[in-house]
Amino acid sequence: MSDDHTHVQEFFGARAADWDSRFPDDGPAYAAAVARMRLRAGDRVLDAGCGTGRALPPLRAAVGTDGVVVGADLTPAMLEAAVRAGRDGDGRLLLADVTALPLRTESLDAVFAAGLVAHLPNPAANLRELARVVRPGGTLALFHPIGRAALAARQGRHIAPDDLRAEHNLRPLLAGSGWDMTSYVDEDARFLALAARRG
């Protein structure tokens, strides 16, 4: 396992037990982001880096009982927290590295990724891996329940010019990884970048 993966597992493993209680008001932001994806009944969607599975209930509601919802995460403790919260009833949980997914090429309609980009060891290659598993025209949602400025303030730092989530950085990163950005919102209350998988 790479040092990047070990660091991610250690960071999130130590926080998994109280993750949801630290951010109890994020539910509506997740639901609103999922709604912006315009998923349809029967769609197949991955929550990449699903953590405690907070996106799984709105994803399940969007795709219905005929759809497929998979939550993949690298950290066992996060998936255990998702099970304790009962979210495994909304989607299949998969202990997996989103940088090398055990999924067939073009097997999904969409990927939802909350807070993921900042933790990717090789963002360009890793976003290409997400593109690999999505059909042409499918959707990627890069989300955070608060915007970049609010997140930086919470962490006691300033936004750096090289922040991957800045539109001027993210748009070419996505374009070079097989995605076309279709929408970008960075407000205090949410960050949401939507992209379509290039055909």
N, C-alpha and C. Protein backbone atom coordinates (compact mmCIF):
# COMPACT_ATOMS: atom_id res chain seq x y z
N MET A 1 0.85 -1.19 0.00
CA MET A 1 0.00 0.00 0.00
C MET A 1 0.89 1.24 0.00
N SER A 2 0.55 2.24 -0.80
CA SER A 2 1.37 3.44 -0.88
C SER A 2 1.26 4.26 0.40
N ASP A 3 2.22 5.16 0.61
CA ASP A 3 2.17 6.05 1.76
C ASP A 3 0.92 6.91 1.73
N ASP A 4 0.50 7.34 0.51
CA ASP A 4 -0.72 8.14 0.38
C ASP A 4 -1.92 7.38 0.95
N HIS A 5 -2.04 6.11 0.58
CA HIS A 5 -3.17 5.31 1.05
C HIS A 5 -3.11 5.08 2.56
N THR A 6 -1.91 4.83 3.06
CA THR A 6 -1.75 4.63 4.50
C THR A 6 -2.16 5.88 5.25
N HIS A 7 -1.74 7.03 4.77
CA HIS A 7 -2.09 8.30 5.41
C HIS A 7 -3.60 8.51 5.41
N VAL A 8 -4.25 8.25 4.27
CA VAL A 8 -5.70 8.42 4.18
C VAL A 8 -6.41 7.48 5.15
N GLN A 9 -6.00 6.23 5.19
CA GLN A 9 -6.63 5.28 6.11
C GLN A 9 -6.44 5.69 7.56
N GLU A 10 -5.24 6.15 7.90
CA GLU A 10 -4.99 6.58 9.28
C GLU A 10 -5.81 7.81 9.63
N PHE A 11 -5.83 8.78 8.73
CA PHE A 11 -6.57 10.02 8.97
C PHE A 11 -8.05 9.74 9.19
N PHE A 12 -8.67 9.01 8.25
CA PHE A 12 -10.11 8.78 8.35
C PHE A 12 -10.47 7.68 9.35
N GLY A 13 -9.59 6.71 9.51
CA GLY A 13 -9.84 5.67 10.49
C GLY A 13 -9.96 6.24 11.90
N ALA A 14 -9.12 7.21 12.22
CA ALA A 14 -9.15 7.83 13.55
C ALA A 14 -10.38 8.69 13.77
N ARG A 15 -11.06 9.08 12.71
CA ARG A 15 -12.20 9.99 12.81
C ARG A 15 -13.55 9.33 12.50
N ALA A 16 -13.52 8.08 12.11
CA ALA A 16 -14.73 7.43 11.61
C ALA A 16 -15.84 7.36 12.65
N ALA A 17 -15.51 7.02 13.88
CA ALA A 17 -16.55 6.78 14.90
C ALA A 17 -17.42 7.99 15.15
N ASP A 18 -16.85 9.20 15.10
CA ASP A 18 -17.67 10.39 15.39
C ASP A 18 -17.83 11.31 14.17
N TRP A 19 -17.53 10.78 12.97
CA TRP A 19 -17.60 11.61 11.77
C TRP A 19 -18.98 12.24 11.59
N ASP A 20 -20.02 11.45 11.65
CA ASP A 20 -21.37 11.98 11.42
C ASP A 20 -21.78 12.98 12.50
N SER A 21 -21.38 12.73 13.74
CA SER A 21 -21.77 13.65 14.81
C SER A 21 -21.00 14.97 14.72
N ARG A 22 -19.85 14.96 14.08
CA ARG A 22 -19.09 16.21 13.88
C ARG A 22 -19.74 17.10 12.83
N PHE A 23 -20.44 16.49 11.89
CA PHE A 23 -21.05 17.24 10.79
C PHE A 23 -22.52 16.84 10.64
N PRO A 24 -23.33 17.11 11.66
CA PRO A 24 -24.70 16.57 11.68
C PRO A 24 -25.67 17.24 10.72
N ASP A 25 -25.32 18.41 10.20
CA ASP A 25 -26.27 19.18 9.38
C ASP A 25 -26.01 19.10 7.89
N ASP A 26 -25.18 18.15 7.46
CA ASP A 26 -24.80 18.07 6.04
C ASP A 26 -25.82 17.36 5.16
N GLY A 27 -26.77 16.66 5.76
CA GLY A 27 -27.72 15.86 4.98
C GLY A 27 -28.40 16.60 3.85
N PRO A 28 -28.99 17.78 4.10
CA PRO A 28 -29.65 18.50 3.01
C PRO A 28 -28.71 18.88 1.87
N ALA A 29 -27.47 19.20 2.18
CA ALA A 29 -26.51 19.54 1.12
C ALA A 29 -26.22 18.34 0.25
N TYR A 30 -26.09 17.16 0.86
CA TYR A 30 -25.89 15.93 0.08
C TYR A 30 -27.10 15.68 -0.83
N ALA A 31 -28.29 15.80 -0.27
CA ALA A 31 -29.51 15.55 -1.06
C ALA A 31 -29.61 16.52 -2.22
N ALA A 32 -29.29 17.80 -1.98
CA ALA A 32 -29.37 18.80 -3.05
C ALA A 32 -28.34 18.51 -4.14
N ALA A 33 -27.14 18.08 -3.76
CA ALA A 33 -26.11 17.76 -4.76
C ALA A 33 -26.53 16.57 -5.60
N VAL A 34 -27.07 15.54 -4.96
CA VAL A 34 -27.54 14.37 -5.70
C VAL A 34 -28.66 14.77 -6.66
N ALA A 35 -29.55 15.64 -6.21
CA ALA A 35 -30.65 16.09 -7.09
C ALA A 35 -30.12 16.79 -8.34
N ARG A 36 -29.01 17.52 -8.20
CA ARG A 36 -28.44 18.22 -9.36
C ARG A 36 -27.84 17.26 -10.39
N MET A 37 -27.60 16.02 -9.99
CA MET A 37 -27.04 15.03 -10.92
C MET A 37 -28.06 14.53 -11.93
N ARG A 38 -29.33 14.74 -11.65
CA ARG A 38 -30.41 14.32 -12.55
C ARG A 38 -30.35 12.82 -12.86
N LEU A 39 -30.14 12.03 -11.82
CA LEU A 39 -30.15 10.57 -11.99
C LEU A 39 -31.57 10.11 -12.30
N ARG A 40 -31.66 8.96 -12.95
CA ARG A 40 -32.97 8.39 -13.31
C ARG A 40 -33.16 7.05 -12.63
N ALA A 41 -34.40 6.66 -12.52
CA ALA A 41 -34.70 5.33 -11.97
C ALA A 41 -33.97 4.28 -12.80
N GLY A 42 -33.33 3.35 -12.12
CA GLY A 42 -32.60 2.28 -12.80
C GLY A 42 -31.15 2.58 -13.06
N ASP A 43 -30.69 3.81 -12.82
CA ASP A 43 -29.29 4.14 -13.05
C ASP A 43 -28.38 3.38 -12.09
N ARG A 44 -27.11 3.26 -12.51
CA ARG A 44 -26.07 2.61 -11.71
C ARG A 44 -25.07 3.68 -11.30
N VAL A 45 -24.91 3.86 -9.98
CA VAL A 45 -24.10 4.97 -9.49
C VAL A 45 -23.14 4.50 -8.40
N LEU A 46 -21.94 5.09 -8.41
CA LEU A 46 -20.91 4.82 -7.42
C LEU A 46 -20.73 6.05 -6.55
N ASP A 47 -20.69 5.85 -5.24
CA ASP A 47 -20.24 6.89 -4.31
C ASP A 47 -18.78 6.58 -4.03
N ALA A 48 -17.88 7.33 -4.67
CA ALA A 48 -16.44 7.07 -4.60
C ALA A 48 -15.86 7.76 -3.37
N GLY A 49 -15.27 6.97 -2.50
CA GLY A 49 -14.80 7.51 -1.23
C GLY A 49 -15.99 7.83 -0.35
N CYS A 50 -16.87 6.84 -0.19
CA CYS A 50 -18.19 7.07 0.41
C CYS A 50 -18.15 7.38 1.90
N GLY A 51 -17.03 7.10 2.57
CA GLY A 51 -16.96 7.38 4.01
C GLY A 51 -18.05 6.65 4.76
N THR A 52 -18.80 7.39 5.57
CA THR A 52 -19.87 6.79 6.37
C THR A 52 -21.17 6.63 5.58
N GLY A 53 -21.12 6.90 4.29
CA GLY A 53 -22.27 6.63 3.43
C GLY A 53 -23.38 7.66 3.46
N ARG A 54 -23.05 8.91 3.77
CA ARG A 54 -24.10 9.93 3.87
C ARG A 54 -24.81 10.19 2.54
N ALA A 55 -24.15 9.92 1.42
CA ALA A 55 -24.80 10.12 0.13
C ALA A 55 -25.65 8.94 -0.30
N LEU A 56 -25.48 7.80 0.34
CA LEU A 56 -26.18 6.60 -0.14
C LEU A 56 -27.71 6.72 -0.08
N PRO A 57 -28.32 7.25 0.99
CA PRO A 57 -29.79 7.37 0.98
C PRO A 57 -30.32 8.24 -0.16
N PRO A 58 -29.78 9.46 -0.40
CA PRO A 58 -30.32 10.22 -1.54
C PRO A 58 -30.01 9.58 -2.89
N LEU A 59 -28.87 8.90 -3.00
CA LEU A 59 -28.58 8.20 -4.26
C LEU A 59 -29.58 7.08 -4.49
N ARG A 60 -29.88 6.32 -3.44
CA ARG A 60 -30.88 5.25 -3.58
C ARG A 60 -32.23 5.82 -3.95
N ALA A 61 -32.63 6.92 -3.30
CA ALA A 61 -33.92 7.54 -3.62
C ALA A 61 -33.96 7.98 -5.08
N ALA A 62 -32.83 8.45 -5.60
CA ALA A 62 -32.79 8.94 -6.99
C ALA A 62 -32.88 7.82 -8.01
N VAL A 63 -32.25 6.68 -7.75
CA VAL A 63 -32.22 5.61 -8.74
C VAL A 63 -33.29 4.55 -8.51
N GLY A 64 -33.94 4.60 -7.34
CA GLY A 64 -35.03 3.67 -7.05
C GLY A 64 -34.56 2.25 -6.79
N THR A 65 -35.52 1.39 -6.60
CA THR A 65 -35.21 0.00 -6.25
C THR A 65 -34.59 -0.77 -7.42
N ASP A 66 -34.82 -0.32 -8.65
CA ASP A 66 -34.23 -0.99 -9.80
C ASP A 66 -32.80 -0.53 -10.10
N GLY A 67 -32.38 0.56 -9.46
CA GLY A 67 -31.03 1.07 -9.69
C GLY A 67 -30.01 0.34 -8.85
N VAL A 68 -28.75 0.63 -9.13
CA VAL A 68 -27.64 0.05 -8.40
C VAL A 68 -26.86 1.18 -7.73
N VAL A 69 -26.63 1.05 -6.43
CA VAL A 69 -25.83 2.02 -5.68
C VAL A 69 -24.70 1.26 -5.01
N VAL A 70 -23.47 1.72 -5.25
CA VAL A 70 -22.29 1.12 -4.63
C VAL A 70 -21.53 2.23 -3.92
N GLY A 71 -21.15 1.97 -2.68
CA GLY A 71 -20.29 2.89 -1.95
C GLY A 71 -18.94 2.25 -1.76
N ALA A 72 -17.89 2.88 -2.28
CA ALA A 72 -16.54 2.34 -2.17
C ALA A 72 -15.68 3.25 -1.30
N ASP A 73 -14.93 2.64 -0.39
CA ASP A 73 -14.04 3.42 0.44
C ASP A 73 -12.81 2.58 0.79
N LEU A 74 -11.71 3.27 1.02
CA LEU A 74 -10.43 2.64 1.33
C LEU A 74 -10.28 2.32 2.81
N THR A 75 -11.12 2.94 3.66
CA THR A 75 -10.94 2.86 5.10
C THR A 75 -12.00 1.96 5.74
N PRO A 76 -11.61 0.79 6.25
CA PRO A 76 -12.58 -0.12 6.85
C PRO A 76 -13.43 0.52 7.94
N ALA A 77 -12.84 1.38 8.76
CA ALA A 77 -13.59 1.99 9.87
C ALA A 77 -14.72 2.87 9.36
N MET A 78 -14.53 3.52 8.23
CA MET A 78 -15.59 4.34 7.65
C MET A 78 -16.75 3.46 7.19
N LEU A 79 -16.44 2.35 6.54
CA LEU A 79 -17.50 1.44 6.09
C LEU A 79 -18.22 0.83 7.29
N GLU A 80 -17.49 0.54 8.35
CA GLU A 80 -18.13 0.02 9.57
C GLU A 80 -19.10 1.05 10.15
N ALA A 81 -18.70 2.33 10.11
CA ALA A 81 -19.59 3.39 10.59
C ALA A 81 -20.83 3.50 9.70
N ALA A 82 -20.67 3.29 8.40
CA ALA A 82 -21.81 3.30 7.48
C ALA A 82 -22.79 2.19 7.83
N VAL A 83 -22.27 1.01 8.16
CA VAL A 83 -23.12 -0.12 8.56
C VAL A 83 -23.84 0.21 9.86
N ARG A 84 -23.12 0.75 10.84
CA ARG A 84 -23.75 1.11 12.12
C ARG A 84 -24.88 2.12 11.91
N ALA A 85 -24.72 3.00 10.94
CA ALA A 85 -25.74 4.01 10.65
C ALA A 85 -26.89 3.44 9.82
N GLY A 86 -26.78 2.16 9.39
CA GLY A 86 -27.84 1.53 8.62
C GLY A 86 -27.84 1.89 7.15
N ARG A 87 -26.76 2.51 6.68
CA ARG A 87 -26.75 2.96 5.29
C ARG A 87 -26.39 1.84 4.32
N ASP A 88 -25.97 0.70 4.83
CA ASP A 88 -25.69 -0.43 3.94
C ASP A 88 -26.98 -0.96 3.31
N GLY A 89 -28.13 -0.56 3.83
CA GLY A 89 -29.40 -0.91 3.21
C GLY A 89 -29.70 -0.11 1.96
N ASP A 90 -28.97 1.00 1.76
CA ASP A 90 -29.19 1.85 0.59
C ASP A 90 -28.23 1.57 -0.54
N GLY A 91 -27.18 0.81 -0.27
CA GLY A 91 -26.22 0.51 -1.31
C GLY A 91 -25.25 -0.55 -0.86
N ARG A 92 -24.62 -1.18 -1.81
CA ARG A 92 -23.61 -2.20 -1.50
C ARG A 92 -22.32 -1.49 -1.12
N LEU A 93 -21.74 -1.85 0.02
CA LEU A 93 -20.49 -1.25 0.46
C LEU A 93 -19.32 -2.11 0.00
N LEU A 94 -18.29 -1.44 -0.48
CA LEU A 94 -17.16 -2.12 -1.08
C LEU A 94 -15.86 -1.53 -0.53
N LEU A 95 -15.05 -2.36 0.12
CA LEU A 95 -13.73 -1.91 0.55
C LEU A 95 -12.85 -1.92 -0.68
N ALA A 96 -12.56 -0.75 -1.21
CA ALA A 96 -11.83 -0.66 -2.47
C ALA A 96 -11.14 0.69 -2.59
N ASP A 97 -10.10 0.68 -3.38
CA ASP A 97 -9.33 1.86 -3.70
C ASP A 97 -9.94 2.49 -4.95
N VAL A 98 -10.43 3.72 -4.84
CA VAL A 98 -11.08 4.34 -6.00
C VAL A 98 -10.09 4.68 -7.11
N THR A 99 -8.79 4.54 -6.83
CA THR A 99 -7.80 4.78 -7.88
C THR A 99 -7.56 3.54 -8.73
N ALA A 100 -8.14 2.41 -8.34
CA ALA A 100 -8.04 1.15 -9.10
C ALA A 100 -9.29 0.33 -8.78
N LEU A 101 -10.39 0.72 -9.36
CA LEU A 101 -11.69 0.14 -9.01
C LEU A 101 -11.88 -1.27 -9.58
N PRO A 102 -12.45 -2.15 -8.79
CA PRO A 102 -12.75 -3.50 -9.27
C PRO A 102 -14.10 -3.54 -9.99
N LEU A 103 -14.27 -2.63 -10.95
CA LEU A 103 -15.53 -2.51 -11.69
C LEU A 103 -15.24 -2.55 -13.18
N ARG A 104 -16.22 -3.05 -13.93
CA ARG A 104 -16.06 -3.14 -15.38
C ARG A 104 -16.05 -1.76 -16.03
N THR A 105 -15.36 -1.65 -17.12
CA THR A 105 -15.31 -0.43 -17.91
C THR A 105 -16.72 -0.07 -18.40
N GLU A 106 -17.09 1.20 -18.25
CA GLU A 106 -18.38 1.75 -18.69
C GLU A 106 -19.57 1.03 -18.07
N SER A 107 -19.41 0.57 -16.82
CA SER A 107 -20.49 -0.17 -16.16
C SER A 107 -21.42 0.72 -15.34
N LEU A 108 -21.09 2.01 -15.22
CA LEU A 108 -21.88 2.93 -14.39
C LEU A 108 -22.44 4.08 -15.21
N ASP A 109 -23.49 4.68 -14.65
CA ASP A 109 -24.06 5.89 -15.25
C ASP A 109 -23.52 7.16 -14.60
N ALA A 110 -23.03 7.04 -13.35
CA ALA A 110 -22.60 8.23 -12.64
C ALA A 110 -21.69 7.88 -11.47
N VAL A 111 -20.90 8.88 -11.08
CA VAL A 111 -20.06 8.79 -9.88
C VAL A 111 -20.30 10.05 -9.05
N PHE A 112 -20.53 9.84 -7.77
CA PHE A 112 -20.63 10.93 -6.80
C PHE A 112 -19.38 10.85 -5.94
N ALA A 113 -18.72 11.98 -5.70
CA ALA A 113 -17.48 11.98 -4.92
C ALA A 113 -17.46 13.18 -3.99
N ALA A 114 -17.69 12.94 -2.72
CA ALA A 114 -17.69 14.01 -1.72
C ALA A 114 -16.32 14.13 -1.08
N GLY A 115 -15.71 15.30 -1.21
CA GLY A 115 -14.43 15.56 -0.57
C GLY A 115 -13.29 14.70 -1.06
N LEU A 116 -13.42 14.10 -2.21
CA LEU A 116 -12.45 13.11 -2.67
C LEU A 116 -11.21 13.71 -3.32
N VAL A 117 -11.37 14.74 -4.12
CA VAL A 117 -10.28 15.23 -4.97
C VAL A 117 -9.03 15.56 -4.17
N ALA A 118 -9.19 16.17 -3.02
CA ALA A 118 -8.04 16.59 -2.22
C ALA A 118 -7.25 15.40 -1.68
N HIS A 119 -7.83 14.21 -1.69
CA HIS A 119 -7.17 13.03 -1.14
C HIS A 119 -6.64 12.08 -2.21
N LEU A 120 -6.77 12.45 -3.47
CA LEU A 120 -6.30 11.58 -4.55
C LEU A 120 -4.79 11.71 -4.71
N PRO A 121 -4.05 10.60 -4.73
CA PRO A 121 -2.59 10.69 -4.85
C PRO A 121 -2.12 11.19 -6.21
N ASN A 122 -2.87 10.89 -7.26
CA ASN A 122 -2.52 11.32 -8.62
C ASN A 122 -3.82 11.75 -9.29
N PRO A 123 -4.27 12.99 -9.04
CA PRO A 123 -5.62 13.40 -9.47
C PRO A 123 -5.94 13.14 -10.94
N ALA A 124 -5.01 13.43 -11.85
CA ALA A 124 -5.30 13.24 -13.28
C ALA A 124 -5.56 11.77 -13.58
N ALA A 125 -4.66 10.90 -13.14
CA ALA A 125 -4.83 9.47 -13.40
C ALA A 125 -6.05 8.92 -12.65
N ASN A 126 -6.28 9.40 -11.45
CA ASN A 126 -7.38 8.88 -10.65
C ASN A 126 -8.73 9.31 -11.20
N LEU A 127 -8.82 10.51 -11.74
CA LEU A 127 -10.06 10.95 -12.39
C LEU A 127 -10.27 10.18 -13.70
N ARG A 128 -9.18 9.79 -14.37
CA ARG A 128 -9.29 8.93 -15.56
C ARG A 128 -9.87 7.57 -15.17
N GLU A 129 -9.49 7.07 -14.00
CA GLU A 129 -10.04 5.79 -13.54
C GLU A 129 -11.54 5.92 -13.29
N LEU A 130 -11.98 7.02 -12.74
CA LEU A 130 -13.43 7.23 -12.58
C LEU A 130 -14.11 7.31 -13.94
N ALA A 131 -13.46 7.96 -14.90
CA ALA A 131 -14.03 8.03 -16.25
C ALA A 131 -14.12 6.64 -16.88
N ARG A 132 -13.15 5.80 -16.59
CA ARG A 132 -13.15 4.44 -17.18
C ARG A 132 -14.41 3.67 -16.83
N VAL A 133 -14.90 3.81 -15.60
CA VAL A 133 -16.03 2.99 -15.18
C VAL A 133 -17.38 3.61 -15.51
N VAL A 134 -17.39 4.80 -16.11
CA VAL A 134 -18.64 5.49 -16.43
C VAL A 134 -18.86 5.46 -17.95
N ARG A 135 -20.09 5.24 -18.34
CA ARG A 135 -20.43 5.22 -19.78
C ARG A 135 -20.25 6.63 -20.37
N PRO A 136 -20.02 6.73 -21.68
CA PRO A 136 -19.96 8.04 -22.32
C PRO A 136 -21.25 8.81 -22.05
N GLY A 137 -21.11 10.07 -21.70
CA GLY A 137 -22.26 10.91 -21.37
C GLY A 137 -22.67 10.82 -19.91
N GLY A 138 -22.08 9.88 -19.16
CA GLY A 138 -22.40 9.75 -17.75
C GLY A 138 -21.87 10.92 -16.94
N THR A 139 -22.24 10.99 -15.68
CA THR A 139 -22.01 12.16 -14.84
C THR A 139 -21.02 11.90 -13.72
N LEU A 140 -20.21 12.92 -13.44
CA LEU A 140 -19.35 12.96 -12.26
C LEU A 140 -19.76 14.17 -11.44
N ALA A 141 -19.97 13.97 -10.14
CA ALA A 141 -20.26 15.07 -9.23
C ALA A 141 -19.16 15.12 -8.19
N LEU A 142 -18.39 16.21 -8.20
CA LEU A 142 -17.38 16.45 -7.17
C LEU A 142 -18.00 17.43 -6.19
N PHE A 143 -18.13 17.02 -4.94
CA PHE A 143 -18.96 17.73 -3.98
C PHE A 143 -18.24 17.93 -2.66
N HIS A 144 -18.58 19.00 -1.99
CA HIS A 144 -18.25 19.18 -0.57
C HIS A 144 -19.39 19.98 0.04
N PRO A 145 -19.82 19.63 1.27
CA PRO A 145 -20.98 20.30 1.86
C PRO A 145 -20.75 21.76 2.25
N ILE A 146 -19.50 22.22 2.19
CA ILE A 146 -19.24 23.65 2.31
C ILE A 146 -18.25 24.04 1.22
N GLY A 147 -18.24 25.32 0.89
CA GLY A 147 -17.38 25.80 -0.17
C GLY A 147 -15.92 25.88 0.24
N ARG A 148 -15.08 26.22 -0.73
CA ARG A 148 -13.64 26.23 -0.50
C ARG A 148 -13.23 27.25 0.57
N ALA A 149 -13.79 28.45 0.52
CA ALA A 149 -13.41 29.48 1.51
C ALA A 149 -13.85 29.08 2.91
N ALA A 150 -15.07 28.57 3.03
CA ALA A 150 -15.57 28.15 4.34
C ALA A 150 -14.75 26.98 4.89
N LEU A 151 -14.37 26.07 4.02
CA LEU A 151 -13.56 24.92 4.45
C LEU A 151 -12.17 25.39 4.90
N ALA A 152 -11.56 26.30 4.14
CA ALA A 152 -10.25 26.82 4.52
C ALA A 152 -10.33 27.52 5.87
N ALA A 153 -11.37 28.31 6.09
CA ALA A 153 -11.54 29.01 7.37
C ALA A 153 -11.71 28.00 8.51
N ARG A 154 -12.48 26.95 8.29
CA ARG A 154 -12.68 25.91 9.30
C ARG A 154 -11.35 25.26 9.68
N GLN A 155 -10.47 25.12 8.69
CA GLN A 155 -9.17 24.47 8.92
C GLN A 155 -8.07 25.45 9.32
N GLY A 156 -8.42 26.74 9.43
CA GLY A 156 -7.45 27.75 9.85
C GLY A 156 -6.39 28.04 8.81
N ARG A 157 -6.77 28.03 7.55
CA ARG A 157 -5.80 28.29 6.48
C ARG A 157 -6.44 29.19 5.43
N HIS A 158 -5.64 29.61 4.47
CA HIS A 158 -6.12 30.39 3.33
C HIS A 158 -6.19 29.48 2.12
N ILE A 159 -7.03 29.84 1.15
CA ILE A 159 -7.09 29.07 -0.09
C ILE A 159 -5.81 29.32 -0.88
N ALA A 160 -5.16 28.25 -1.26
CA ALA A 160 -3.93 28.36 -2.04
C ALA A 160 -4.27 28.48 -3.53
N PRO A 161 -3.46 29.20 -4.29
CA PRO A 161 -3.72 29.35 -5.73
C PRO A 161 -3.73 28.01 -6.48
N ASP A 162 -3.00 27.02 -5.95
CA ASP A 162 -2.95 25.73 -6.63
C ASP A 162 -4.03 24.76 -6.15
N ASP A 163 -5.02 25.23 -5.40
CA ASP A 163 -6.13 24.39 -4.94
C ASP A 163 -6.77 23.71 -6.15
N LEU A 164 -6.78 22.38 -6.13
CA LEU A 164 -7.33 21.63 -7.26
C LEU A 164 -8.79 21.96 -7.53
N ARG A 165 -9.52 22.38 -6.50
CA ARG A 165 -10.96 22.63 -6.67
C ARG A 165 -11.27 24.01 -7.23
N ALA A 166 -10.25 24.87 -7.35
CA ALA A 166 -10.47 26.16 -8.01
C ALA A 166 -10.86 25.90 -9.45
N GLU A 167 -11.83 26.65 -9.94
CA GLU A 167 -12.34 26.38 -11.29
C GLU A 167 -11.24 26.41 -12.34
N HIS A 168 -10.31 27.37 -12.23
CA HIS A 168 -9.25 27.48 -13.24
C HIS A 168 -8.28 26.30 -13.19
N ASN A 169 -8.24 25.57 -12.10
CA ASN A 169 -7.42 24.37 -12.01
C ASN A 169 -8.22 23.10 -12.33
N LEU A 170 -9.46 23.08 -11.85
CA LEU A 170 -10.27 21.88 -11.98
C LEU A 170 -10.73 21.63 -13.41
N ARG A 171 -11.10 22.68 -14.12
CA ARG A 171 -11.61 22.50 -15.49
C ARG A 171 -10.59 21.79 -16.39
N PRO A 172 -9.32 22.26 -16.46
CA PRO A 172 -8.36 21.54 -17.31
C PRO A 172 -7.98 20.17 -16.76
N LEU A 173 -7.98 20.02 -15.43
CA LEU A 173 -7.71 18.70 -14.85
C LEU A 173 -8.75 17.70 -15.30
N LEU A 174 -10.02 18.08 -15.24
CA LEU A 174 -11.10 17.20 -15.69
C LEU A 174 -10.99 16.94 -17.18
N ALA A 175 -10.74 18.00 -17.96
CA ALA A 175 -10.66 17.85 -19.42
C ALA A 175 -9.56 16.87 -19.81
N GLY A 176 -8.45 16.91 -19.10
CA GLY A 176 -7.35 15.99 -19.40
C GLY A 176 -7.58 14.58 -18.90
N SER A 177 -8.68 14.39 -18.17
CA SER A 177 -8.98 13.08 -17.59
C SER A 177 -10.23 12.44 -18.17
N GLY A 178 -10.74 13.01 -19.27
CA GLY A 178 -11.88 12.40 -19.94
C GLY A 178 -13.23 12.97 -19.58
N TRP A 179 -13.25 14.14 -18.90
CA TRP A 179 -14.50 14.75 -18.46
C TRP A 179 -14.62 16.17 -19.02
N ASP A 180 -15.84 16.61 -19.26
CA ASP A 180 -16.13 17.99 -19.61
C ASP A 180 -16.95 18.61 -18.50
N MET A 181 -16.41 19.65 -17.84
CA MET A 181 -17.15 20.29 -16.77
C MET A 181 -18.40 20.96 -17.34
N THR A 182 -19.53 20.71 -16.71
CA THR A 182 -20.80 21.28 -17.18
C THR A 182 -21.37 22.30 -16.22
N SER A 183 -20.90 22.28 -14.97
CA SER A 183 -21.43 23.20 -13.97
C SER A 183 -20.42 23.34 -12.84
N TYR A 184 -20.32 24.54 -12.27
CA TYR A 184 -19.38 24.78 -11.18
C TYR A 184 -20.01 25.77 -10.20
N VAL A 185 -20.11 25.38 -8.95
CA VAL A 185 -20.63 26.24 -7.89
C VAL A 185 -19.69 26.15 -6.70
N ASP A 186 -19.24 27.30 -6.21
CA ASP A 186 -18.39 27.36 -5.02
C ASP A 186 -18.92 28.48 -4.14
N GLU A 187 -19.79 28.13 -3.22
CA GLU A 187 -20.41 29.07 -2.29
C GLU A 187 -20.09 28.61 -0.87
N ASP A 188 -20.35 29.47 0.12
CA ASP A 188 -20.10 29.05 1.50
C ASP A 188 -20.85 27.77 1.84
N ALA A 189 -22.07 27.64 1.33
CA ALA A 189 -22.92 26.52 1.71
C ALA A 189 -22.66 25.24 0.93
N ARG A 190 -21.88 25.29 -0.15
CA ARG A 190 -21.63 24.07 -0.91
C ARG A 190 -20.57 24.29 -1.98
N PHE A 191 -19.93 23.19 -2.34
CA PHE A 191 -19.07 23.13 -3.50
C PHE A 191 -19.60 22.00 -4.36
N LEU A 192 -19.85 22.26 -5.62
CA LEU A 192 -20.34 21.22 -6.52
C LEU A 192 -19.86 21.49 -7.94
N ALA A 193 -19.06 20.58 -8.45
CA ALA A 193 -18.65 20.63 -9.85
C ALA A 193 -19.23 19.39 -10.52
N LEU A 194 -19.97 19.61 -11.58
CA LEU A 194 -20.53 18.50 -12.36
C LEU A 194 -19.79 18.39 -13.69
N ALA A 195 -19.58 17.16 -14.12
CA ALA A 195 -18.89 16.92 -15.38
C ALA A 195 -19.55 15.75 -16.10
N ALA A 196 -19.43 15.76 -17.43
CA ALA A 196 -19.95 14.69 -18.27
C ALA A 196 -18.78 13.91 -18.84
N ARG A 197 -18.90 12.60 -18.84
CA ARG A 197 -17.87 11.73 -19.41
C ARG A 197 -17.86 11.88 -20.92
N ARG A 198 -16.70 12.20 -21.43
CA ARG A 198 -16.56 12.39 -22.87
C ARG A 198 -16.76 11.08 -23.60
N GLY A 199 -17.42 11.12 -24.76
CA GLY A 199 -17.71 9.91 -25.53
C GLY A 199 -16.53 9.41 -26.32
